[in-house]
């Protein structure tokens, strides 16, 4: 009898991929993903993109993010994803009347205006004269004088205020590393101070032979040696090591850079190379410094220079291009060659403010009574560029200007309101009152403001009182009324109400 033949080897099974799952299984998986994960999944292939864009997925995001429901009648004309993105854009453009708000009111006998304002996570930092006040928005009594923290130490007006990441800095001072930031200020008292989160002064650095006017927008150096740059009325640029501690603190002045003949008004770190520092002095002379080559106390490491016209107002850097607002124009300079490559904007007779969104090739300038919106691409070949929109309606100089991909916010010392505009079109979106009561006529407009995504804070003086107004539009639901031929949006309703499709059809 012959031996039985061995069984055939098992057929290897093909591995199962994500796209092999049925629609119900994939939908169940997507219910556990974040918005960022769903967006990334949509970029992998056509079938997953179609599923990631489905109404089921985006209706869930509506409920989770805003506790809102979309009426089915709206879904007949626009998908849930489009409605979600439209609402998000409207919130980021402050197109609502009911933001969460906080008003901080202080009686004062001083006419000293607010100098600077910073908004970071749950904290507001305001500088007025020589004093800084920190408001913790998480506290139930936020805004009361007893709840706030005062940073006292400067003996003259604060000229600049920055927040920098704590990573690799002051670990020996009891501060905690991570996502936290520490505050740095400069002053007319010739000093730079570094502050702890409880208002204590961690370090006071002196070296300038006069008022310190400017601080770099970012820290230079690597994780092992963080360096802060400062510019003074003495015309020098000074580099300070923030890694030294204990007995080494007296050696925190790393280098002094000479070359400017006038006070150093502004400085920033180059976009394409973080070791390059760009500075501009009061006579509109721009210098670029390679901070890695500076070691001696009187070293000069200038690797490029150019001269512009007019008093410097502001400057921004995007990759290798430096945009400088000075006099009545915004000029683009190639930092690799120091050649002027374009006049991006001309705002006669004088500029007072400037900001830019390089990702959208848009910039905005503030002048007297109005701001102007410019498209950089349209002006590349033009010697006399034209704005794409004029943002009218201001009283006096537009000295305050914020711009991001969604909105432009403008204001000034003679305006009771700050105005909000769509960044793409220049269409007016909202006006926010800065004083205490709209029935009162304030003697001053807005001193300063800070904008962070869905939030804004303004500071002003009205009738012997300082007023700081904070607004958060994250969960706003009452939209600004549109013109009569363009009715208000009805895309969202609160889940807390008695919503049904029948009642809202």
Protein backbone atom coordinates (compact mmCIF):
# COMPACT_ATOMS: atom_id res chain seq x y z
CA UNK A 1 0.00 0.00 0.00
CA UNK A 2 1.49 3.32 -1.05
CA UNK A 3 2.07 6.02 1.51
CA UNK A 4 -0.43 8.86 1.47
CA UNK A 5 0.80 12.05 -0.20
CA UNK A 6 1.59 14.97 2.10
CA UNK A 7 -0.99 17.77 2.30
CA UNK A 8 -0.32 20.75 0.06
CA UNK A 9 1.41 23.69 1.73
CA UNK A 10 -0.92 26.46 2.91
CA UNK A 11 -1.43 29.30 0.50
CA UNK A 12 0.12 32.48 1.93
CA UNK A 13 -2.54 35.06 2.66
CA UNK A 14 -2.16 38.58 1.36
CA UNK A 15 -1.71 41.20 4.07
CA UNK A 16 -4.78 43.28 4.78
CA UNK A 17 -4.40 47.01 4.27
CA UNK A 18 -6.54 49.85 5.50
CA UNK A 19 -8.34 50.25 2.19
CA UNK A 20 -9.45 46.58 2.33
CA UNK A 21 -11.79 47.36 5.21
CA UNK A 22 -15.42 48.02 4.45
CA UNK A 23 -16.93 51.47 4.79
CA UNK A 24 -18.57 50.77 8.15
CA UNK A 25 -15.30 49.55 9.67
CA UNK A 26 -13.39 52.54 8.35
CA UNK A 27 -16.04 54.93 9.63
CA UNK A 28 -15.73 53.34 13.07
CA UNK A 29 -11.95 53.85 12.95
CA UNK A 30 -12.29 57.49 11.91
CA UNK A 31 -14.54 58.14 14.90
CA UNK A 32 -11.46 57.75 17.12
CA UNK A 33 -9.15 60.02 15.11
CA UNK A 34 -8.42 63.68 15.68
CA UNK A 35 -8.96 66.38 13.09
CA UNK A 36 -5.25 66.43 12.31
CA UNK A 37 -5.19 62.64 11.81
CA UNK A 38 -8.24 62.69 9.55
CA UNK A 39 -6.71 65.46 7.43
CA UNK A 40 -3.49 63.48 7.08
CA UNK A 41 -5.42 60.33 6.14
CA UNK A 42 -7.27 62.22 3.41
CA UNK A 43 -3.97 62.91 1.67
CA UNK A 44 -3.02 59.23 1.25
CA UNK A 45 -5.38 58.07 -1.52
CA UNK A 46 -8.64 58.95 -3.28
CA UNK A 47 -10.84 56.40 -1.51
CA UNK A 48 -9.69 57.46 1.96
CA UNK A 49 -10.03 61.11 1.01
CA UNK A 50 -13.65 60.51 0.01
CA UNK A 51 -14.37 58.81 3.33
CA UNK A 52 -12.45 61.42 5.35
CA UNK A 53 -14.56 64.16 3.76
CA UNK A 54 -17.86 62.45 4.55
CA UNK A 55 -20.56 64.28 6.48
CA UNK A 56 -20.50 61.72 9.30
CA UNK A 57 -16.89 62.55 10.17
CA UNK A 58 -17.29 66.33 10.08
CA UNK A 59 -20.60 66.40 11.90
CA UNK A 60 -18.78 64.71 14.78
CA UNK A 61 -16.16 67.47 14.76
CA UNK A 62 -18.94 70.05 14.96
CA UNK A 63 -20.38 68.43 18.06
CA UNK A 64 -17.02 67.88 19.75
CA UNK A 65 -15.49 71.29 19.05
CA UNK A 66 -18.43 73.62 19.52
CA UNK A 67 -21.35 71.61 20.96
CA UNK A 68 -23.27 72.63 17.85
CA UNK A 69 -25.54 70.80 15.46
CA UNK A 70 -25.95 71.43 11.73
CA UNK A 71 -29.52 71.45 10.37
CA UNK A 72 -30.11 68.90 7.65
CA UNK A 73 -31.46 71.64 5.40
CA UNK A 74 -27.98 73.19 5.30
CA UNK A 75 -26.39 69.86 4.38
CA UNK A 76 -28.49 69.78 1.21
CA UNK A 77 -26.49 72.68 -0.23
CA UNK A 78 -23.08 72.33 1.46
CA UNK A 79 -21.26 69.38 2.95
CA UNK A 80 -20.49 69.20 6.66
CA UNK A 81 -16.78 69.72 6.00
CA UNK A 82 -17.43 72.95 4.11
CA UNK A 83 -19.71 74.16 6.89
CA UNK A 84 -17.12 73.28 9.52
CA UNK A 85 -14.38 75.19 7.68
CA UNK A 86 -16.70 78.15 7.05
CA UNK A 87 -17.56 78.41 10.74
CA UNK A 88 -13.92 78.07 11.74
CA UNK A 89 -12.94 80.87 9.34
CA UNK A 90 -15.76 83.08 10.64
CA UNK A 91 -14.59 82.56 14.22
CA UNK A 92 -10.98 83.33 13.33
CA UNK A 93 -12.22 86.51 11.63
CA UNK A 94 -14.09 87.59 14.80
CA UNK A 95 -17.43 87.70 12.94
CA UNK A 96 -19.49 87.25 16.11
CA UNK A 97 -21.09 89.45 18.75
CA UNK A 98 -20.85 87.20 21.81
CA UNK A 99 -17.25 86.27 22.60
CA UNK A 100 -16.27 85.27 26.11
CA UNK A 101 -14.96 88.53 27.54
CA UNK A 102 -13.08 89.94 30.50
CA UNK A 103 -12.68 93.61 31.35
CA UNK A 104 -9.98 94.79 33.75
CA UNK A 105 -10.62 98.30 35.05
CA UNK A 106 -8.11 100.28 37.13
CA UNK A 107 -8.29 103.83 38.47
CA UNK A 108 -5.07 105.73 37.86
CA UNK A 109 -3.69 109.22 38.31
CA UNK A 110 -0.90 108.61 35.82
CA UNK A 111 -1.30 109.47 32.14
CA UNK A 112 1.31 106.86 31.20
CA UNK A 113 0.03 104.77 28.30
CA UNK A 114 0.35 101.02 27.86
CA UNK A 115 3.63 100.26 26.11
CA UNK A 116 3.34 96.57 25.29
CA UNK A 117 0.89 93.68 25.46
CA UNK A 118 1.45 89.93 25.10
CA UNK A 119 -1.13 87.13 25.01
CA UNK A 120 0.21 83.63 25.61
CA UNK A 121 -2.04 80.67 26.41
CA UNK A 122 -3.85 81.54 29.65
CA UNK A 123 -1.79 84.63 30.52
CA UNK A 124 -1.89 88.30 29.56
CA UNK A 125 1.24 90.40 30.08
CA UNK A 126 0.79 94.18 29.99
CA UNK A 127 3.58 96.74 30.36
CA UNK A 128 2.81 100.29 31.40
CA UNK A 129 5.65 102.60 32.30
CA UNK A 130 8.21 100.54 34.21
CA UNK A 131 5.80 97.90 35.57
CA UNK A 132 4.46 94.65 34.13
CA UNK A 133 1.21 93.05 35.21
CA UNK A 134 0.38 89.40 34.53
CA UNK A 135 -3.25 88.26 34.46
CA UNK A 136 -4.02 84.55 34.86
CA UNK A 137 -7.14 83.87 32.81
CA UNK A 138 -7.71 80.50 34.49
CA UNK A 139 -8.50 82.10 37.84
CA UNK A 140 -12.09 82.76 38.83
CA UNK A 141 -11.07 86.21 40.06
CA UNK A 142 -8.94 87.01 36.99
CA UNK A 143 -8.62 90.75 36.62
CA UNK A 144 -8.80 91.64 40.30
CA UNK A 145 -5.75 93.43 41.65
CA UNK A 146 -5.20 90.80 44.34
CA UNK A 147 -5.15 87.96 41.80
CA UNK A 148 -2.63 89.47 39.40
CA UNK A 149 1.15 89.36 39.62
CA UNK A 150 3.27 92.50 39.30
CA UNK A 151 6.79 92.36 37.85
CA UNK A 152 8.65 95.24 39.47
CA UNK A 153 12.32 96.11 39.08
CA UNK A 154 12.80 98.42 36.13
CA UNK A 155 13.29 102.06 37.03
CA UNK A 156 12.26 103.53 33.66
CA UNK A 157 9.87 102.83 30.79
CA UNK A 158 9.95 99.36 29.29
CA UNK A 159 10.93 99.46 25.61
CA UNK A 160 10.50 95.84 24.51
CA UNK A 161 8.89 92.67 25.86
CA UNK A 162 9.44 89.11 24.58
CA UNK A 163 8.48 85.56 25.50
CA UNK A 164 10.99 82.79 24.74
CA UNK A 165 10.88 78.98 25.18
CA UNK A 166 12.41 77.82 28.42
CA UNK A 167 14.16 74.77 26.93
CA UNK A 168 17.80 74.68 27.95
CA UNK A 169 17.60 77.98 29.84
CA UNK A 170 17.65 78.60 33.60
CA UNK A 171 17.37 74.94 34.54
CA UNK A 172 19.48 75.77 37.58
CA UNK A 173 17.06 78.46 38.71
CA UNK A 174 14.23 76.14 39.62
CA UNK A 175 12.20 76.75 36.47
CA UNK A 176 10.61 73.80 34.71
CA UNK A 177 11.51 72.96 31.13
CA UNK A 178 9.00 72.01 28.48
CA UNK A 179 6.45 74.14 26.69
CA UNK A 180 6.69 76.98 29.20
CA UNK A 181 8.14 80.34 28.29
CA UNK A 182 9.99 83.01 30.19
CA UNK A 183 9.62 86.77 29.92
CA UNK A 184 12.41 89.15 28.86
CA UNK A 185 12.14 92.94 29.00
CA UNK A 186 14.38 95.87 28.07
CA UNK A 187 14.15 99.37 29.45
CA UNK A 188 15.30 102.96 29.33
CA UNK A 189 17.12 102.21 32.61
CA UNK A 190 19.92 100.58 30.51
CA UNK A 191 19.04 97.05 31.66
CA UNK A 192 17.56 93.78 30.44
CA UNK A 193 15.62 91.66 32.89
CA UNK A 194 14.63 88.01 32.75
CA UNK A 195 11.59 87.04 34.80
CA UNK A 196 10.30 83.90 36.47
CA UNK A 197 6.66 82.87 36.26
CA UNK A 198 5.92 84.20 39.76
CA UNK A 199 7.20 87.68 38.99
CA UNK A 200 10.69 87.22 40.40
CA UNK A 201 13.65 88.68 38.49
CA UNK A 202 15.92 85.79 37.53
CA UNK A 203 18.63 87.98 36.09
CA UNK A 204 19.43 91.62 35.40
CA UNK A 205 21.91 92.19 32.58
CA UNK A 206 23.71 95.48 32.09
CA UNK A 207 26.23 96.56 29.48
CA UNK A 208 24.63 99.12 27.17
CA UNK A 209 25.77 102.71 27.64
CA UNK A 210 22.24 104.02 27.38
CA UNK A 211 18.65 102.84 26.99
CA UNK A 212 18.08 99.36 25.56
CA UNK A 213 15.64 99.79 22.67
CA UNK A 214 15.21 96.38 21.04
CA UNK A 215 15.44 92.63 21.61
CA UNK A 216 15.72 89.84 19.04
CA UNK A 217 12.45 88.13 18.16
CA UNK A 218 14.02 84.69 18.71
CA UNK A 219 16.93 83.25 20.64
CA UNK A 220 20.14 82.54 18.75
CA UNK A 221 22.40 79.54 19.26
CA UNK A 222 21.73 75.84 19.76
CA UNK A 223 20.19 73.92 22.66
CA UNK A 224 23.47 73.96 24.60
CA UNK A 225 24.04 77.71 24.38
CA UNK A 226 21.06 80.04 24.02
CA UNK A 227 21.92 83.62 23.07
CA UNK A 228 19.78 86.77 23.33
CA UNK A 229 20.54 89.83 21.19
CA UNK A 230 19.80 93.42 22.19
CA UNK A 231 20.15 96.80 20.51
CA UNK A 232 20.76 100.07 22.27
CA UNK A 233 20.63 103.80 21.88
CA UNK A 234 24.43 103.63 22.03
CA UNK A 235 24.42 102.06 18.54
CA UNK A 236 25.77 98.70 19.69
CA UNK A 237 24.36 95.20 19.32
CA UNK A 238 25.07 92.97 22.29
CA UNK A 239 24.87 89.19 22.56
CA UNK A 240 24.03 87.65 25.93
CA UNK A 241 24.51 84.03 26.92
CA UNK A 242 21.47 82.66 28.73
CA UNK A 243 23.10 79.34 29.60
CA UNK A 244 25.48 80.76 32.20
CA UNK A 245 24.44 80.56 35.84
CA UNK A 246 25.79 81.02 39.34
CA UNK A 247 29.29 82.53 39.35
CA UNK A 248 29.28 82.67 35.55
CA UNK A 249 26.45 85.17 35.37
CA UNK A 250 28.83 88.11 35.24
CA UNK A 251 30.12 86.59 31.98
CA UNK A 252 26.69 86.59 30.32
CA UNK A 253 27.76 89.36 27.91
CA UNK A 254 29.14 87.23 25.10
CA UNK A 255 29.99 89.90 22.51
CA UNK A 256 29.50 93.54 21.56
CA UNK A 257 29.00 94.26 17.86
CA UNK A 258 29.91 97.67 16.49
CA UNK A 259 28.95 99.22 13.17
CA UNK A 260 25.74 101.20 13.58
CA UNK A 261 26.15 104.95 14.02
CA UNK A 262 22.61 105.56 15.27
CA UNK A 263 20.35 103.83 17.84
CA UNK A 264 19.39 100.25 16.95
CA UNK A 265 15.61 100.30 16.60
CA UNK A 266 14.67 96.77 15.45
CA UNK A 267 16.23 93.32 15.18
CA UNK A 268 15.22 89.80 14.17
CA UNK A 269 16.70 86.41 13.33
CA UNK A 270 17.01 85.55 9.63
CA UNK A 271 14.50 83.05 8.30
CA UNK A 272 16.91 80.91 6.28
CA UNK A 273 19.80 80.75 8.77
CA UNK A 274 19.22 81.03 12.51
CA UNK A 275 22.77 82.20 13.25
CA UNK A 276 22.22 85.42 11.27
CA UNK A 277 20.92 88.48 13.10
CA UNK A 278 19.36 91.36 11.14
CA UNK A 279 19.32 94.85 12.67
CA UNK A 280 18.20 98.29 11.53
CA UNK A 281 19.18 101.61 13.07
CA UNK A 282 17.33 104.90 13.25
CA UNK A 283 19.01 106.11 10.04
CA UNK A 284 17.50 103.10 8.16
CA UNK A 285 20.82 101.29 7.75
CA UNK A 286 20.39 97.52 7.74
CA UNK A 287 23.16 95.21 8.91
CA UNK A 288 23.39 91.42 8.98
CA UNK A 289 25.62 89.77 11.59
CA UNK A 290 26.95 86.23 11.75
CA UNK A 291 26.72 85.57 15.47
CA UNK A 292 28.72 82.32 15.30
CA UNK A 293 31.94 84.24 14.56
CA UNK A 294 31.67 86.62 17.50
CA UNK A 295 33.76 85.77 20.52
CA UNK A 296 35.77 88.82 21.56
CA UNK A 297 34.26 91.78 23.34
CA UNK A 298 34.83 94.19 20.43
CA UNK A 299 34.36 91.82 17.50
CA UNK A 300 32.56 92.96 14.37
CA UNK A 301 30.98 90.14 12.38
CA UNK A 302 28.90 92.14 9.90
CA UNK A 303 28.40 90.08 6.74
CA UNK A 304 26.05 92.39 4.85
CA UNK A 305 24.59 95.88 4.82
CA UNK A 306 22.27 98.16 2.88
CA UNK A 307 20.56 101.51 3.37
CA UNK A 308 16.90 102.40 2.93
CA UNK A 309 14.96 105.66 3.02
CA UNK A 310 12.91 107.01 5.88
CA UNK A 311 12.47 106.17 9.54
CA UNK A 312 12.18 102.41 10.21
CA UNK A 313 8.72 101.22 11.25
CA UNK A 314 8.90 97.42 11.28
CA UNK A 315 10.55 94.52 9.49
CA UNK A 316 9.68 90.88 8.85
CA UNK A 317 11.72 88.02 7.46
CA UNK A 318 10.55 85.13 5.27
CA UNK A 319 13.22 82.63 4.25
CA UNK A 320 15.90 84.68 2.44
CA UNK A 321 13.78 87.81 1.96
CA UNK A 322 13.70 90.68 4.42
CA UNK A 323 10.71 93.05 4.21
CA UNK A 324 11.47 96.46 5.70
CA UNK A 325 8.83 99.13 6.27
CA UNK A 326 10.52 102.53 6.42
CA UNK A 327 9.38 106.00 5.49
CA UNK A 328 6.49 105.50 3.09
CA UNK A 329 7.39 102.16 1.50
CA UNK A 330 7.97 98.47 2.13
CA UNK A 331 11.12 97.15 0.45
CA UNK A 332 12.15 93.51 -0.01
CA UNK A 333 15.87 92.78 0.39
CA UNK A 334 17.58 89.48 -0.50
CA UNK A 335 19.71 88.65 2.55
CA UNK A 336 22.10 86.54 0.45
CA UNK A 337 23.13 89.45 -1.75
CA UNK A 338 21.76 92.44 0.21
CA UNK A 339 20.18 93.64 -3.04
CA UNK A 340 16.78 95.34 -3.08
CA UNK A 341 14.61 93.06 -5.18
CA UNK A 342 11.22 94.75 -4.99
CA UNK A 343 9.19 97.65 -3.65
CA UNK A 344 6.26 95.71 -2.22
CA UNK A 345 4.15 98.70 -1.12
CA UNK A 346 4.12 102.49 -1.22
CA UNK A 347 1.86 104.17 1.34
CA UNK A 348 2.02 107.94 1.08
CA UNK A 349 2.76 110.14 2.85
CA UNK A 350 4.01 107.98 5.72
CA UNK A 351 3.82 104.48 7.16
CA UNK A 352 2.97 103.86 10.80
CA UNK A 353 2.59 100.06 10.92
CA UNK A 354 3.21 96.96 8.82
CA UNK A 355 2.61 93.20 8.90
CA UNK A 356 2.80 90.36 6.40
CA UNK A 357 1.48 86.85 5.70
CA UNK A 358 4.15 85.38 3.40
CA UNK A 359 2.25 82.11 2.86
CA UNK A 360 -0.51 84.08 1.10
CA UNK A 361 1.79 86.69 -0.49
CA UNK A 362 -0.15 89.43 1.30
CA UNK A 363 0.99 92.37 3.38
CA UNK A 364 -0.76 95.28 5.04
CA UNK A 365 0.37 98.81 5.84
CA UNK A 366 -1.13 101.35 8.21
CA UNK A 367 -1.16 105.04 7.34
CA UNK A 368 -3.14 108.13 8.27
CA UNK A 369 -6.86 107.33 8.46
CA UNK A 370 -6.66 103.99 6.67
CA UNK A 371 -4.75 100.79 6.10
CA UNK A 372 -3.93 99.21 2.74
CA UNK A 373 -3.79 95.59 1.64
CA UNK A 374 -1.14 94.57 -0.92
CA UNK A 375 -0.52 91.46 -3.04
CA UNK A 376 3.24 90.87 -3.29
CA UNK A 377 2.92 88.80 -6.46
CA UNK A 378 1.21 91.63 -8.35
CA UNK A 379 3.89 94.12 -7.32
CA UNK A 380 7.01 92.14 -8.21
CA UNK A 381 7.51 93.97 -11.51
CA UNK A 382 5.82 97.25 -10.61
CA UNK A 383 7.78 100.35 -9.70
CA UNK A 384 4.63 102.00 -8.39
CA UNK A 385 2.58 99.21 -6.78
CA UNK A 386 -1.17 99.47 -6.28
CA UNK A 387 -3.08 98.12 -3.25
CA UNK A 388 -5.71 95.44 -3.70
CA UNK A 389 -7.92 97.00 -1.01
CA UNK A 390 -8.15 100.13 1.12
CA UNK A 391 -9.30 99.65 4.70
CA UNK A 392 -10.96 102.97 5.53
CA UNK A 393 -12.77 104.24 8.59
CA UNK A 394 -10.00 105.14 11.03
CA UNK A 395 -9.44 108.38 12.90
CA UNK A 396 -5.82 109.44 12.69
CA UNK A 397 -2.80 107.19 12.49
CA UNK A 398 -3.15 103.42 12.17
CA UNK A 399 -0.28 102.48 14.49
CA UNK A 400 -1.60 99.04 15.51
CA UNK A 401 -1.75 96.29 12.91
CA UNK A 402 -2.00 92.51 13.14
CA UNK A 403 -2.24 90.20 10.14
CA UNK A 404 -2.70 86.44 9.87
CA UNK A 405 -4.07 84.14 7.12
CA UNK A 406 -7.67 84.91 8.14
CA UNK A 407 -7.85 88.53 9.24
CA UNK A 408 -6.32 91.96 9.54
CA UNK A 409 -6.84 93.88 12.80
CA UNK A 410 -6.17 97.63 12.78
CA UNK A 411 -6.33 100.39 15.37
CA UNK A 412 -4.67 103.51 16.67
CA UNK A 413 -4.39 106.07 19.47
CA UNK A 414 -7.34 108.12 18.19
CA UNK A 415 -9.72 105.23 17.47
CA UNK A 416 -12.34 104.05 19.96
CA UNK A 417 -12.56 100.77 18.06
CA UNK A 418 -10.20 98.27 16.53
CA UNK A 419 -11.45 97.11 13.14
CA UNK A 420 -11.31 93.56 11.80
CA UNK A 421 -11.06 92.80 8.07
CA UNK A 422 -10.90 89.67 5.94
CA UNK A 423 -7.27 89.23 4.91
CA UNK A 424 -8.10 87.85 1.45
CA UNK A 425 -10.55 90.55 0.38
CA UNK A 426 -10.25 93.49 2.77
CA UNK A 427 -13.98 93.24 3.54
CA UNK A 428 -14.89 94.66 6.95
CA UNK A 429 -15.76 91.86 9.39
CA UNK A 430 -16.29 93.53 12.78
CA UNK A 431 -15.47 96.49 15.04
CA UNK A 432 -14.51 95.98 18.68
CA UNK A 433 -14.89 98.75 21.24
CA UNK A 434 -11.83 99.37 23.39
CA UNK A 435 -13.15 101.60 26.16
CA UNK A 436 -15.51 101.01 29.08
CA UNK A 437 -18.89 102.17 27.79
CA UNK A 438 -19.79 102.88 24.18
CA UNK A 439 -21.92 105.83 25.33
CA UNK A 440 -18.84 107.53 26.76
CA UNK A 441 -16.39 109.40 24.58
CA UNK A 442 -12.87 108.29 25.55
CA UNK A 443 -10.11 110.83 25.59
CA UNK A 444 -7.73 108.28 24.14
CA UNK A 445 -7.99 105.46 21.63
CA UNK A 446 -6.31 102.09 21.75
CA UNK A 447 -2.76 102.12 23.15
CA UNK A 448 -1.80 98.61 22.15
CA UNK A 449 -3.26 95.19 21.35
CA UNK A 450 -2.33 91.53 21.06
CA UNK A 451 -4.01 88.94 18.85
CA UNK A 452 -3.66 85.17 19.10
CA UNK A 453 -5.85 83.14 16.76
CA UNK A 454 -9.37 83.27 18.21
CA UNK A 455 -8.47 85.76 20.94
CA UNK A 456 -7.71 89.45 21.21
CA UNK A 457 -6.83 91.80 24.05
CA UNK A 458 -6.77 95.61 23.85
CA UNK A 459 -5.50 98.20 26.32
CA UNK A 460 -6.38 101.88 26.61
CA UNK A 461 -6.84 104.81 28.99
CA UNK A 462 -10.27 106.39 29.44
CA UNK A 463 -11.07 109.16 31.91
CA UNK A 464 -8.33 108.51 34.48
CA UNK A 465 -8.72 104.75 34.25
CA UNK A 466 -6.86 101.99 32.47
CA UNK A 467 -9.06 99.48 30.66
CA UNK A 468 -7.90 96.13 29.39
CA UNK A 469 -10.47 94.16 27.36
CA UNK A 470 -10.02 90.47 26.55
CA UNK A 471 -12.24 88.60 24.07
CA UNK A 472 -12.26 84.91 23.16
CA UNK A 473 -14.35 83.93 20.11
CA UNK A 474 -13.81 80.16 20.40
CA UNK A 475 -17.41 79.34 21.35
CA UNK A 476 -19.24 82.38 19.98
CA UNK A 477 -22.59 81.64 18.32
CA UNK A 478 -24.25 84.99 17.52
CA UNK A 479 -22.90 86.14 14.13
CA UNK A 480 -22.47 89.75 13.09
CA UNK A 481 -25.43 90.84 10.96
CA UNK A 482 -24.71 90.96 7.26
CA UNK A 483 -26.15 93.48 4.77
CA UNK A 484 -29.84 93.11 3.97
CA UNK A 485 -29.16 91.37 0.66
CA UNK A 486 -26.90 88.88 2.43
CA UNK A 487 -28.82 87.39 5.39
CA UNK A 488 -27.07 86.13 8.53
CA UNK A 489 -25.75 82.60 8.46
CA UNK A 490 -27.92 79.86 9.92
CA UNK A 491 -25.41 77.05 9.70
CA UNK A 492 -25.10 76.35 13.40
CA UNK A 493 -27.37 75.98 16.39
CA UNK A 494 -26.66 75.18 20.01
CA UNK A 495 -27.12 71.59 21.10
CA UNK A 496 -28.43 72.86 24.42
CA UNK A 497 -31.55 74.19 22.70
CA UNK A 498 -34.59 72.21 21.57
CA UNK A 499 -33.23 71.65 18.07
CA UNK A 500 -34.96 69.53 15.50
CA UNK A 501 -34.89 69.59 11.72
CA UNK A 502 -38.63 70.08 11.57
CA UNK A 503 -38.56 73.14 13.81
CA UNK A 504 -35.80 74.81 11.79
CA UNK A 505 -36.79 73.87 8.28
